[in-house]
N, C-alpha and C. Protein backbone atom coordinates (compact mmCIF):
# COMPACT_ATOMS: atom_id res chain seq x y z
N MET A 1 37.84 123.00 -5.07
CA MET A 1 38.93 123.93 -4.92
C MET A 1 38.55 125.30 -5.47
N ILE A 2 37.80 125.32 -6.55
CA ILE A 2 37.39 126.60 -7.13
C ILE A 2 36.51 127.36 -6.15
N GLY A 3 35.62 126.62 -5.45
CA GLY A 3 34.76 127.25 -4.45
C GLY A 3 35.57 127.89 -3.34
N CYS A 4 36.65 127.20 -2.91
CA CYS A 4 37.51 127.74 -1.85
C CYS A 4 38.22 129.00 -2.33
N LEU A 5 38.70 128.98 -3.57
CA LEU A 5 39.39 130.16 -4.09
C LEU A 5 38.43 131.33 -4.23
N GLN A 6 37.20 131.05 -4.65
CA GLN A 6 36.22 132.12 -4.77
C GLN A 6 35.90 132.70 -3.40
N THR A 7 35.73 131.82 -2.39
CA THR A 7 35.46 132.28 -1.04
C THR A 7 36.61 133.11 -0.53
N LEU A 8 37.83 132.64 -0.75
CA LEU A 8 39.02 133.37 -0.33
C LEU A 8 39.07 134.74 -1.01
N TYR A 9 38.79 134.76 -2.29
CA TYR A 9 38.80 136.01 -3.04
C TYR A 9 37.75 136.97 -2.48
N HIS A 10 36.55 136.46 -2.18
CA HIS A 10 35.49 137.32 -1.65
C HIS A 10 35.86 137.87 -0.27
N HIS A 11 36.50 137.03 0.57
CA HIS A 11 36.93 137.51 1.89
C HIS A 11 37.97 138.61 1.74
N LEU A 12 38.94 138.37 0.84
CA LEU A 12 39.99 139.35 0.62
C LEU A 12 39.40 140.65 0.11
N CYS A 13 38.51 140.55 -0.85
CA CYS A 13 37.87 141.75 -1.39
C CYS A 13 37.06 142.46 -0.30
N PHE A 14 36.38 141.68 0.53
CA PHE A 14 35.58 142.27 1.60
C PHE A 14 36.46 143.09 2.54
N HIS A 15 37.59 142.51 2.96
CA HIS A 15 38.47 143.22 3.87
C HIS A 15 39.07 144.46 3.21
N TYR A 16 39.51 144.30 1.96
CA TYR A 16 40.12 145.43 1.28
C TYR A 16 39.09 146.49 0.90
N GLN A 17 37.90 146.07 0.52
CA GLN A 17 36.91 147.02 0.03
C GLN A 17 36.03 147.60 1.13
N VAL A 18 35.91 146.90 2.26
CA VAL A 18 35.01 147.37 3.30
C VAL A 18 35.77 147.91 4.51
N TYR A 19 36.59 147.06 5.13
CA TYR A 19 37.25 147.47 6.36
C TYR A 19 38.24 148.61 6.17
N LEU A 20 39.15 148.45 5.22
CA LEU A 20 40.19 149.45 5.07
C LEU A 20 39.64 150.82 4.68
N PRO A 21 38.75 150.92 3.69
CA PRO A 21 38.18 152.24 3.40
C PRO A 21 37.36 152.81 4.56
N ALA A 22 36.69 151.95 5.30
CA ALA A 22 35.89 152.43 6.44
C ALA A 22 36.78 153.02 7.54
N LEU A 23 37.97 152.49 7.66
CA LEU A 23 38.88 152.96 8.70
C LEU A 23 39.74 154.14 8.25
N GLN A 24 39.78 154.37 6.94
CA GLN A 24 40.60 155.45 6.41
C GLN A 24 40.11 156.79 6.94
N GLY A 25 41.04 157.61 7.39
CA GLY A 25 40.71 158.90 7.97
C GLY A 25 40.50 158.82 9.47
N HIS A 26 40.24 157.63 9.99
CA HIS A 26 40.05 157.47 11.43
C HIS A 26 41.32 156.94 12.10
N LEU A 27 42.17 156.32 11.32
CA LEU A 27 43.42 155.75 11.84
C LEU A 27 44.58 156.28 11.01
N PRO A 28 45.78 156.33 11.61
CA PRO A 28 46.95 156.75 10.84
C PRO A 28 47.20 155.82 9.65
N GLY A 29 47.79 156.38 8.61
CA GLY A 29 48.04 155.62 7.39
C GLY A 29 48.89 154.38 7.61
N ASP A 30 49.89 154.47 8.49
CA ASP A 30 50.74 153.31 8.74
C ASP A 30 49.99 152.19 9.43
N VAL A 31 49.00 152.51 10.23
CA VAL A 31 48.17 151.48 10.86
C VAL A 31 47.41 150.72 9.78
N LEU A 32 46.83 151.47 8.84
CA LEU A 32 46.11 150.83 7.74
C LEU A 32 47.04 150.03 6.84
N ARG A 33 48.24 150.57 6.60
CA ARG A 33 49.21 149.84 5.77
C ARG A 33 49.67 148.57 6.47
N THR A 34 49.82 148.63 7.81
CA THR A 34 50.19 147.43 8.57
C THR A 34 49.11 146.37 8.42
N PHE A 35 47.87 146.78 8.62
CA PHE A 35 46.74 145.87 8.50
C PHE A 35 46.64 145.31 7.08
N SER A 36 46.81 146.18 6.09
CA SER A 36 46.72 145.75 4.69
C SER A 36 47.82 144.76 4.34
N SER A 37 49.04 145.03 4.77
CA SER A 37 50.13 144.10 4.44
C SER A 37 49.97 142.77 5.17
N PHE A 38 49.44 142.80 6.40
CA PHE A 38 49.19 141.55 7.10
C PHE A 38 48.10 140.74 6.40
N LEU A 39 47.04 141.41 5.96
CA LEU A 39 45.97 140.71 5.23
C LEU A 39 46.51 140.10 3.93
N GLU A 40 47.36 140.84 3.25
CA GLU A 40 47.94 140.31 2.01
C GLU A 40 48.79 139.07 2.32
N PHE A 41 49.59 139.13 3.38
CA PHE A 41 50.37 137.96 3.80
C PHE A 41 49.44 136.79 4.11
N TYR A 42 48.43 137.06 4.91
CA TYR A 42 47.52 136.01 5.39
C TYR A 42 46.83 135.29 4.23
N TYR A 43 46.27 136.06 3.32
CA TYR A 43 45.52 135.44 2.23
C TYR A 43 46.44 134.77 1.21
N THR A 44 47.65 135.26 1.06
CA THR A 44 48.59 134.60 0.15
C THR A 44 49.06 133.29 0.77
N ALA A 45 49.35 133.29 2.06
CA ALA A 45 49.85 132.09 2.73
C ALA A 45 48.80 130.98 2.81
N ARG A 46 47.53 131.33 2.78
CA ARG A 46 46.47 130.33 2.91
C ARG A 46 46.08 129.68 1.58
N ARG A 47 46.73 130.04 0.49
CA ARG A 47 46.41 129.44 -0.80
C ARG A 47 46.76 127.96 -0.81
N ASP A 48 46.04 127.21 -1.62
CA ASP A 48 46.32 125.78 -1.76
C ASP A 48 47.62 125.53 -2.54
N VAL A 49 47.86 126.37 -3.52
CA VAL A 49 49.06 126.25 -4.35
C VAL A 49 49.78 127.59 -4.30
N ILE A 50 51.07 127.55 -3.99
CA ILE A 50 51.84 128.78 -3.89
C ILE A 50 53.01 128.69 -4.88
N THR A 51 53.03 129.65 -5.81
CA THR A 51 54.09 129.70 -6.82
C THR A 51 55.22 130.60 -6.32
N GLU A 52 56.29 130.69 -7.11
CA GLU A 52 57.40 131.59 -6.75
C GLU A 52 56.93 133.04 -6.72
N ASP A 53 56.04 133.41 -7.65
CA ASP A 53 55.50 134.77 -7.64
C ASP A 53 54.73 135.03 -6.33
N ASN A 54 53.97 134.03 -5.89
CA ASN A 54 53.25 134.16 -4.62
C ASN A 54 54.23 134.31 -3.46
N LEU A 55 55.33 133.54 -3.50
CA LEU A 55 56.32 133.65 -2.44
C LEU A 55 56.99 135.02 -2.42
N ASP A 56 57.24 135.57 -3.61
CA ASP A 56 57.81 136.93 -3.68
C ASP A 56 56.83 137.93 -3.07
N ARG A 57 55.55 137.79 -3.40
CA ARG A 57 54.52 138.66 -2.84
C ARG A 57 54.42 138.49 -1.32
N LEU A 58 54.55 137.24 -0.88
CA LEU A 58 54.50 136.92 0.55
C LEU A 58 55.65 137.60 1.28
N GLU A 59 56.86 137.47 0.74
CA GLU A 59 58.03 138.10 1.36
C GLU A 59 57.91 139.62 1.37
N ASP A 60 57.37 140.18 0.29
CA ASP A 60 57.16 141.63 0.23
C ASP A 60 56.14 142.07 1.28
N ALA A 61 55.08 141.32 1.44
CA ALA A 61 54.06 141.66 2.45
C ALA A 61 54.64 141.58 3.86
N ILE A 62 55.48 140.58 4.11
CA ILE A 62 56.12 140.44 5.44
C ILE A 62 57.05 141.62 5.70
N THR A 63 57.84 142.00 4.70
CA THR A 63 58.75 143.13 4.85
C THR A 63 57.97 144.41 5.14
N ARG A 64 56.90 144.65 4.36
CA ARG A 64 56.09 145.85 4.60
C ARG A 64 55.44 145.81 5.98
N PHE A 65 54.94 144.65 6.38
CA PHE A 65 54.31 144.51 7.69
C PHE A 65 55.30 144.87 8.80
N HIS A 66 56.52 144.32 8.71
CA HIS A 66 57.51 144.59 9.74
C HIS A 66 57.94 146.06 9.77
N SER A 67 57.94 146.71 8.63
CA SER A 67 58.33 148.13 8.64
C SER A 67 57.18 149.02 9.13
N PHE A 68 55.95 148.71 8.75
CA PHE A 68 54.82 149.55 9.15
C PHE A 68 54.39 149.33 10.60
N ARG A 69 54.67 148.18 11.16
CA ARG A 69 54.21 147.90 12.52
C ARG A 69 54.92 148.73 13.57
N ASP A 70 56.01 149.41 13.18
CA ASP A 70 56.73 150.26 14.13
C ASP A 70 55.86 151.40 14.66
N ILE A 71 54.77 151.70 13.97
CA ILE A 71 53.88 152.74 14.45
C ILE A 71 53.27 152.37 15.81
N PHE A 72 53.24 151.07 16.13
CA PHE A 72 52.67 150.63 17.39
C PHE A 72 53.67 150.68 18.54
N SER A 73 54.94 150.94 18.27
CA SER A 73 55.96 150.96 19.32
C SER A 73 55.68 151.92 20.45
N PRO A 74 55.22 153.16 20.18
CA PRO A 74 54.93 154.06 21.31
C PRO A 74 53.82 153.52 22.23
N ILE A 75 52.88 152.80 21.66
CA ILE A 75 51.79 152.23 22.46
C ILE A 75 52.33 151.13 23.37
N CYS A 76 53.30 150.39 22.88
CA CYS A 76 53.85 149.25 23.62
C CYS A 76 55.05 149.65 24.47
N GLY A 77 55.23 150.95 24.72
CA GLY A 77 56.33 151.40 25.57
C GLY A 77 57.68 151.26 24.90
N GLY A 78 57.73 151.34 23.58
CA GLY A 78 58.99 151.24 22.86
C GLY A 78 59.54 149.83 22.76
N LYS A 79 58.83 148.86 23.30
CA LYS A 79 59.31 147.48 23.28
C LYS A 79 59.03 146.80 21.95
N GLY A 80 58.26 147.43 21.10
CA GLY A 80 57.89 146.80 19.84
C GLY A 80 56.50 146.20 19.93
N PHE A 81 56.02 145.81 18.81
CA PHE A 81 54.66 145.29 18.70
C PHE A 81 54.73 143.83 18.33
N SER A 82 54.11 142.97 19.11
CA SER A 82 54.19 141.55 18.83
C SER A 82 52.88 140.87 19.20
N LEU A 83 52.24 140.32 18.20
CA LEU A 83 51.04 139.52 18.42
C LEU A 83 51.45 138.08 18.68
N PRO A 84 50.60 137.28 19.30
CA PRO A 84 50.95 135.87 19.48
C PRO A 84 51.22 135.19 18.13
N ARG A 85 52.26 134.42 18.07
CA ARG A 85 52.68 133.67 16.88
C ARG A 85 53.04 134.56 15.70
N GLN A 86 53.23 135.86 15.95
CA GLN A 86 53.57 136.78 14.87
C GLN A 86 54.97 136.52 14.34
N HIS A 87 55.87 136.10 15.20
CA HIS A 87 57.25 135.85 14.78
C HIS A 87 57.31 134.77 13.70
N ALA A 88 56.40 133.83 13.74
CA ALA A 88 56.43 132.71 12.79
C ALA A 88 56.23 133.15 11.34
N ILE A 89 55.60 134.30 11.11
CA ILE A 89 55.36 134.68 9.72
C ILE A 89 56.65 134.93 8.96
N ALA A 90 57.71 135.31 9.66
CA ALA A 90 58.99 135.53 8.98
C ALA A 90 59.54 134.23 8.40
N HIS A 91 59.16 133.11 8.96
CA HIS A 91 59.68 131.82 8.51
C HIS A 91 58.81 131.15 7.44
N TYR A 92 57.65 131.70 7.16
CA TYR A 92 56.74 131.07 6.20
C TYR A 92 57.37 130.83 4.83
N PRO A 93 57.99 131.83 4.19
CA PRO A 93 58.51 131.58 2.84
C PRO A 93 59.51 130.42 2.78
N SER A 94 60.44 130.36 3.72
CA SER A 94 61.43 129.27 3.68
C SER A 94 60.77 127.92 3.99
N LEU A 95 59.81 127.92 4.91
CA LEU A 95 59.13 126.66 5.23
C LEU A 95 58.24 126.19 4.08
N ILE A 96 57.64 127.13 3.37
CA ILE A 96 56.82 126.76 2.20
C ILE A 96 57.73 126.18 1.11
N ARG A 97 58.91 126.75 0.95
CA ARG A 97 59.85 126.20 -0.04
C ARG A 97 60.27 124.78 0.34
N LEU A 98 60.43 124.53 1.63
CA LEU A 98 60.85 123.20 2.09
C LEU A 98 59.72 122.18 2.09
N PHE A 99 58.54 122.60 2.55
CA PHE A 99 57.47 121.63 2.80
C PHE A 99 56.20 121.85 1.99
N ALA A 100 56.17 122.81 1.10
CA ALA A 100 55.01 123.13 0.25
C ALA A 100 54.00 123.98 1.02
N ALA A 101 52.90 124.25 0.36
CA ALA A 101 51.88 125.14 0.92
C ALA A 101 51.24 124.55 2.17
N PRO A 102 51.01 125.39 3.19
CA PRO A 102 50.38 124.87 4.40
C PRO A 102 48.89 124.57 4.24
N ASN A 103 48.30 124.93 3.10
CA ASN A 103 46.89 124.64 2.81
C ASN A 103 45.96 125.11 3.91
N GLY A 104 46.18 126.31 4.40
CA GLY A 104 45.28 126.85 5.41
C GLY A 104 45.45 126.22 6.77
N LEU A 105 46.60 125.59 7.02
CA LEU A 105 46.85 124.97 8.31
C LEU A 105 46.69 125.99 9.42
N CYS A 106 46.00 125.61 10.42
CA CYS A 106 45.78 126.50 11.56
C CYS A 106 46.51 125.92 12.77
N SER A 107 47.33 126.72 13.40
CA SER A 107 48.08 126.22 14.55
C SER A 107 47.23 126.18 15.81
N SER A 108 45.99 126.58 15.73
CA SER A 108 45.12 126.53 16.90
C SER A 108 44.90 125.09 17.36
N ILE A 109 44.92 124.15 16.42
CA ILE A 109 44.72 122.75 16.79
C ILE A 109 45.88 122.28 17.67
N THR A 110 47.10 122.57 17.23
CA THR A 110 48.24 122.16 18.04
C THR A 110 48.28 122.93 19.34
N GLU A 111 47.83 124.16 19.32
CA GLU A 111 47.79 124.95 20.56
C GLU A 111 46.83 124.32 21.56
N SER A 112 45.66 123.87 21.09
CA SER A 112 44.70 123.24 22.01
C SER A 112 45.24 121.92 22.54
N LYS A 113 45.96 121.18 21.69
CA LYS A 113 46.59 119.94 22.14
C LYS A 113 47.67 120.24 23.18
N HIS A 114 48.42 121.32 22.97
CA HIS A 114 49.46 121.72 23.91
C HIS A 114 48.85 122.07 25.26
N ILE A 115 47.72 122.76 25.23
CA ILE A 115 47.06 123.12 26.48
C ILE A 115 46.64 121.87 27.24
N ARG A 116 46.05 120.91 26.52
CA ARG A 116 45.57 119.68 27.17
C ARG A 116 46.72 118.80 27.65
N ALA A 117 47.79 118.73 26.87
CA ALA A 117 48.88 117.82 27.19
C ALA A 117 49.95 118.42 28.10
N VAL A 118 50.06 119.75 28.12
CA VAL A 118 51.15 120.35 28.89
C VAL A 118 50.63 121.30 29.97
N LYS A 119 49.84 122.28 29.56
CA LYS A 119 49.44 123.31 30.52
C LYS A 119 48.54 122.78 31.62
N GLU A 120 47.51 122.01 31.27
CA GLU A 120 46.60 121.50 32.30
C GLU A 120 47.30 120.52 33.24
N PRO A 121 48.11 119.57 32.74
CA PRO A 121 48.85 118.71 33.68
C PRO A 121 49.83 119.51 34.55
N TRP A 122 50.42 120.57 34.00
CA TRP A 122 51.32 121.41 34.80
C TRP A 122 50.55 122.03 35.96
N ARG A 123 49.36 122.52 35.68
CA ARG A 123 48.55 123.14 36.74
C ARG A 123 48.14 122.13 37.80
N ARG A 124 47.96 120.88 37.41
CA ARG A 124 47.56 119.83 38.36
C ARG A 124 48.74 119.35 39.21
N SER A 125 49.95 119.61 38.74
CA SER A 125 51.12 119.13 39.48
C SER A 125 51.39 120.03 40.68
N ASN A 126 52.26 119.56 41.60
CA ASN A 126 52.64 120.40 42.73
C ASN A 126 53.98 121.08 42.47
N ARG A 127 54.45 121.06 41.23
CA ARG A 127 55.67 121.70 40.73
C ARG A 127 56.94 121.02 41.23
N ASN A 128 56.81 119.98 42.02
CA ASN A 128 57.97 119.21 42.48
C ASN A 128 58.07 117.98 41.58
N GLU A 129 59.15 117.88 40.81
CA GLU A 129 59.28 116.84 39.80
C GLU A 129 58.05 116.86 38.89
N ALA A 130 57.78 118.03 38.37
CA ALA A 130 56.55 118.26 37.60
C ALA A 130 56.47 117.39 36.35
N LEU A 131 57.59 117.17 35.67
CA LEU A 131 57.56 116.38 34.44
C LEU A 131 57.01 114.99 34.70
N PHE A 132 57.48 114.34 35.76
CA PHE A 132 57.00 113.01 36.10
C PHE A 132 55.49 113.04 36.38
N GLN A 133 55.04 114.04 37.13
CA GLN A 133 53.61 114.16 37.44
C GLN A 133 52.80 114.43 36.17
N MET A 134 53.33 115.27 35.29
CA MET A 134 52.62 115.57 34.05
C MET A 134 52.49 114.33 33.17
N LEU A 135 53.56 113.56 33.07
CA LEU A 135 53.51 112.33 32.27
C LEU A 135 52.52 111.34 32.86
N ARG A 136 52.50 111.23 34.18
CA ARG A 136 51.55 110.32 34.83
C ARG A 136 50.11 110.80 34.59
N THR A 137 49.88 112.11 34.68
CA THR A 137 48.54 112.65 34.41
C THR A 137 48.10 112.33 32.99
N ASN A 138 49.00 112.56 32.02
CA ASN A 138 48.66 112.26 30.62
C ASN A 138 48.40 110.77 30.41
N GLN A 139 49.20 109.93 31.06
CA GLN A 139 49.00 108.48 30.94
C GLN A 139 47.63 108.10 31.49
N ARG A 140 47.26 108.64 32.63
CA ARG A 140 45.97 108.31 33.23
C ARG A 140 44.81 108.85 32.40
N LEU A 141 44.96 110.04 31.84
CA LEU A 141 43.92 110.58 30.98
C LEU A 141 43.74 109.71 29.73
N ASP A 142 44.86 109.25 29.17
CA ASP A 142 44.79 108.35 28.01
C ASP A 142 44.10 107.03 28.38
N GLN A 143 44.40 106.50 29.56
CA GLN A 143 43.76 105.26 30.00
C GLN A 143 42.27 105.45 30.20
N LEU A 144 41.88 106.60 30.77
CA LEU A 144 40.45 106.88 30.94
C LEU A 144 39.75 107.01 29.59
N SER A 145 40.42 107.65 28.64
CA SER A 145 39.85 107.81 27.31
C SER A 145 39.69 106.45 26.63
N ALA A 146 40.69 105.59 26.76
CA ALA A 146 40.62 104.25 26.17
C ALA A 146 39.52 103.43 26.84
N ALA A 147 39.37 103.57 28.15
CA ALA A 147 38.31 102.85 28.86
C ALA A 147 36.94 103.31 28.39
N ARG A 148 36.79 104.61 28.18
CA ARG A 148 35.51 105.14 27.70
C ARG A 148 35.16 104.56 26.33
N VAL A 149 36.13 104.49 25.44
CA VAL A 149 35.91 103.91 24.11
C VAL A 149 35.51 102.44 24.24
N ASN A 150 36.20 101.72 25.11
CA ASN A 150 35.92 100.31 25.34
C ASN A 150 34.51 100.13 25.89
N PHE A 151 34.16 100.94 26.89
CA PHE A 151 32.83 100.84 27.49
C PHE A 151 31.73 101.17 26.48
N ALA A 152 31.96 102.18 25.67
CA ALA A 152 30.97 102.56 24.65
C ALA A 152 30.79 101.43 23.64
N ALA A 153 31.89 100.79 23.23
CA ALA A 153 31.82 99.70 22.27
C ALA A 153 31.06 98.50 22.84
N ARG A 154 31.14 98.31 24.13
CA ARG A 154 30.45 97.19 24.77
C ARG A 154 29.04 97.56 25.22
N GLY A 155 28.60 98.79 24.91
CA GLY A 155 27.25 99.21 25.26
C GLY A 155 27.05 99.55 26.72
N MET A 156 28.13 99.74 27.44
CA MET A 156 28.03 100.00 28.87
C MET A 156 27.68 101.45 29.19
N LEU A 157 27.72 102.33 28.21
CA LEU A 157 27.41 103.73 28.45
C LEU A 157 26.04 104.12 27.92
N ASN A 158 25.27 103.13 27.48
CA ASN A 158 23.92 103.40 26.97
C ASN A 158 22.95 103.46 28.14
N GLY A 159 22.14 104.49 28.17
CA GLY A 159 21.14 104.61 29.23
C GLY A 159 21.73 105.11 30.53
N THR A 160 20.90 105.02 31.59
CA THR A 160 21.30 105.49 32.90
C THR A 160 21.33 104.32 33.87
N LEU A 161 21.80 104.59 35.05
CA LEU A 161 21.83 103.57 36.10
C LEU A 161 20.41 103.15 36.47
N LEU A 162 19.52 104.12 36.55
CA LEU A 162 18.12 103.83 36.88
C LEU A 162 17.50 102.88 35.86
N GLU A 163 17.76 103.13 34.58
CA GLU A 163 17.21 102.27 33.54
C GLU A 163 17.73 100.84 33.68
N SER A 164 19.03 100.69 33.97
CA SER A 164 19.58 99.34 34.11
C SER A 164 19.02 98.64 35.34
N VAL A 165 18.74 99.37 36.43
CA VAL A 165 18.12 98.78 37.62
C VAL A 165 16.70 98.32 37.30
N LEU A 166 15.97 99.15 36.57
CA LEU A 166 14.59 98.79 36.21
C LEU A 166 14.54 97.58 35.31
N VAL A 167 15.50 97.46 34.40
CA VAL A 167 15.57 96.28 33.56
C VAL A 167 15.82 95.05 34.42
N GLY A 168 16.69 95.18 35.40
CA GLY A 168 16.99 94.07 36.30
C GLY A 168 15.80 93.69 37.17
N VAL A 169 15.00 94.67 37.60
CA VAL A 169 13.86 94.42 38.49
C VAL A 169 12.66 93.91 37.71
N ASN A 170 12.31 94.61 36.64
CA ASN A 170 11.10 94.27 35.88
C ASN A 170 11.34 93.25 34.79
N GLY A 171 12.58 93.08 34.41
CA GLY A 171 12.87 92.17 33.31
C GLY A 171 12.72 92.86 31.97
N ALA A 172 12.03 93.95 31.93
CA ALA A 172 11.86 94.71 30.70
C ALA A 172 11.68 96.17 31.08
N TYR A 173 12.10 97.04 30.22
CA TYR A 173 12.02 98.47 30.50
C TYR A 173 11.51 99.18 29.27
N CYS A 174 10.53 100.00 29.44
CA CYS A 174 9.98 100.79 28.34
C CYS A 174 10.01 102.25 28.77
N PRO A 175 10.91 103.06 28.23
CA PRO A 175 11.06 104.43 28.71
C PRO A 175 9.82 105.29 28.47
N ASN A 176 8.98 104.94 27.49
CA ASN A 176 7.78 105.74 27.23
C ASN A 176 6.73 105.59 28.33
N ASN A 177 6.70 104.45 29.02
CA ASN A 177 5.69 104.20 30.04
C ASN A 177 6.22 104.41 31.46
N LEU A 178 7.41 104.97 31.58
CA LEU A 178 8.00 105.18 32.89
C LEU A 178 7.25 106.29 33.61
N SER A 179 6.77 106.02 34.79
CA SER A 179 6.08 107.02 35.60
C SER A 179 6.41 106.78 37.05
N MET A 180 5.99 107.66 37.90
CA MET A 180 6.25 107.50 39.33
C MET A 180 5.58 106.25 39.89
N ILE A 181 4.42 105.89 39.34
CA ILE A 181 3.72 104.69 39.83
C ILE A 181 4.55 103.45 39.53
N SER A 182 5.08 103.36 38.28
CA SER A 182 5.86 102.17 37.94
C SER A 182 7.16 102.15 38.74
N LEU A 183 7.73 103.33 39.04
CA LEU A 183 8.93 103.37 39.86
C LEU A 183 8.63 102.88 41.27
N THR A 184 7.49 103.32 41.82
CA THR A 184 7.10 102.88 43.17
C THR A 184 6.85 101.39 43.19
N GLN A 185 6.15 100.90 42.17
CA GLN A 185 5.88 99.47 42.11
C GLN A 185 7.17 98.68 41.97
N SER A 186 8.09 99.18 41.16
CA SER A 186 9.38 98.50 40.98
C SER A 186 10.15 98.47 42.30
N ARG A 187 10.10 99.59 43.02
CA ARG A 187 10.80 99.65 44.29
C ARG A 187 10.19 98.66 45.29
N GLU A 188 8.84 98.59 45.33
CA GLU A 188 8.17 97.67 46.24
C GLU A 188 8.49 96.21 45.87
N GLN A 189 8.53 95.93 44.56
CA GLN A 189 8.86 94.58 44.13
C GLN A 189 10.29 94.22 44.49
N ALA A 190 11.16 95.18 44.41
CA ALA A 190 12.56 94.92 44.69
C ALA A 190 12.76 94.60 46.18
N TRP A 191 11.96 95.23 47.07
CA TRP A 191 12.12 95.03 48.50
C TRP A 191 11.34 93.84 49.01
N SER A 192 10.43 93.30 48.22
CA SER A 192 9.63 92.17 48.71
C SER A 192 10.25 90.83 48.39
């Protein structure tokens, strides 16, 4: 755990000491403050243990982030600035109070599962009674996955089809001595 905290501290220091000063003077101050408050939120939320003081700091960083991000509104046509999953940061303090620290939980895992379980089956459907088609697709994918595990456990996925044919023809197979001559001889033996 100490190694993780040191790594986290070094990353935080790197961003604060390298990126932000390097960008200073090239970007408006509110852009840098937005980035800084988001980094503070991010690194505080990823701690293994979060105290009430950390939660206060987290809420302060979220408030500052939401106020400073308005600088991006003109770029977005006045509609506001919103990154993917950005809305969720407002709920972090209350969720941490309810369920404890997320311990660096990354929602990318659930996002990839969502893509495999929902988006890909949706694309495969013809959009007519799509839910039924999606469920059937997921069921069949699960059955294929289970069959693969079963076949691997029984040794049915070891080697190639050619190797299994050669074992059947020659009675023994040695991959180191496999050559075109032995293949030709095996083929001739099989046809005679």
